[in-house]
Amino acid sequence: MKNAAPKTFEEKLDRIDAIVKELESGRTELERAIELFKEGKTLSRECEAMLKSAQAQIDTAMSGGDAAAQNGAPEDLSDELPF
């Protein structure tokens, strides 16, 4: 039975690492290497999308993020972190 597809960012990175190690071993047949390359490329794109989404969430949080702040209303800083 084939393992379930990695879902979290960390699982995807772990799978990419395993793919790289297998490809670098030099013992992978061409067809398997192509299959692994395609899987790694797909996982890489998924990780990039996850990172972009995380960055957008951070940017939104750093700029105030809520509708009131975006509409010019005073920003409530009572829950802002001290750093």
Protein backbone atom coordinates (compact mmCIF):
# COMPACT_ATOMS: atom_id res chain seq x y z
CA MET A 1 0.00 0.00 0.00
CA LYS A 2 1.31 3.43 -0.93
CA ASN A 3 1.78 6.01 1.84
CA ALA A 4 -0.76 8.81 2.05
CA ALA A 5 0.25 12.06 0.39
CA PRO A 6 1.95 14.51 2.76
CA LYS A 7 -0.45 17.19 3.95
CA THR A 8 1.46 19.58 6.17
CA PHE A 9 4.32 21.82 5.11
CA GLU A 10 6.72 19.86 7.29
CA GLU A 11 5.56 16.52 5.85
CA LYS A 12 6.04 17.88 2.33
CA LEU A 13 9.57 19.06 3.17
CA ASP A 14 10.41 15.69 4.69
CA ARG A 15 9.19 13.96 1.53
CA ILE A 16 11.23 16.32 -0.67
CA ASP A 17 14.29 15.53 1.47
CA ALA A 18 13.68 11.79 1.03
CA ILE A 19 13.32 12.25 -2.74
CA VAL A 20 16.58 14.19 -2.95
CA LYS A 21 18.41 11.54 -0.95
CA GLU A 22 17.09 8.77 -3.18
CA LEU A 23 18.04 10.66 -6.34
CA GLU A 24 21.49 11.51 -4.99
CA SER A 25 22.16 7.87 -4.13
CA GLY A 26 22.90 7.18 -7.79
CA ARG A 27 21.07 3.86 -7.62
CA THR A 28 17.73 5.04 -8.97
CA GLU A 29 16.60 3.76 -12.36
CA LEU A 30 15.66 6.37 -14.94
CA GLU A 31 11.89 5.79 -14.84
CA ARG A 32 11.86 5.97 -11.05
CA ALA A 33 14.06 9.08 -11.13
CA ILE A 34 11.61 10.80 -13.48
CA GLU A 35 8.70 9.82 -11.24
CA LEU A 36 10.52 11.15 -8.18
CA PHE A 37 11.47 14.37 -9.95
CA LYS A 38 7.85 15.04 -10.91
CA GLU A 39 6.68 14.34 -7.36
CA GLY A 40 9.36 16.62 -5.94
CA LYS A 41 8.48 19.41 -8.34
CA THR A 42 4.79 19.17 -7.38
CA LEU A 43 5.63 19.19 -3.67
CA SER A 44 7.94 22.15 -4.20
CA ARG A 45 5.16 24.16 -5.85
CA GLU A 46 2.76 23.23 -3.03
CA CYS A 47 5.30 24.35 -0.41
CA GLU A 48 5.87 27.61 -2.24
CA ALA A 49 2.12 28.27 -2.30
CA MET A 50 1.89 27.49 1.42
CA LEU A 51 4.75 29.89 2.17
CA LYS A 52 3.15 32.65 0.09
CA SER A 53 -0.12 32.14 1.95
CA ALA A 54 1.66 32.26 5.30
CA GLN A 55 3.48 35.44 4.26
CA ALA A 56 0.19 37.05 3.22
CA GLN A 57 -1.32 36.17 6.60
CA ILE A 58 1.68 37.65 8.40
CA ASP A 59 1.57 40.80 6.26
CA THR A 60 -2.14 41.19 7.02
CA ALA A 61 -1.57 40.70 10.74
CA MET A 62 1.31 43.19 10.75
CA SER A 63 -0.73 45.85 8.96
CA GLY A 64 -3.63 45.62 11.38
CA GLY A 65 -5.52 43.13 9.31
CA ASP A 66 -9.06 43.85 10.39
CA ALA A 67 -11.67 45.75 8.39
CA ALA A 68 -11.89 48.60 10.93
CA ALA A 69 -8.18 49.36 10.60
CA GLN A 70 -8.41 49.23 6.82
CA ASN A 71 -11.33 51.68 6.88
CA GLY A 72 -9.42 54.27 8.87
CA ALA A 73 -10.91 53.48 12.27
CA PRO A 74 -8.57 53.68 15.26
CA GLU A 75 -6.62 50.48 15.73
CA ASP A 76 -7.03 48.57 19.01
CA LEU A 77 -3.50 47.68 20.10
CA SER A 78 -4.47 46.12 23.43
CA ASP A 79 -3.61 42.61 22.26
CA GLU A 80 -0.44 43.53 20.38
CA LEU A 81 2.67 41.60 21.29
CA PRO A 82 5.38 43.61 23.06
CA PHE A 83 8.05 42.94 20.46
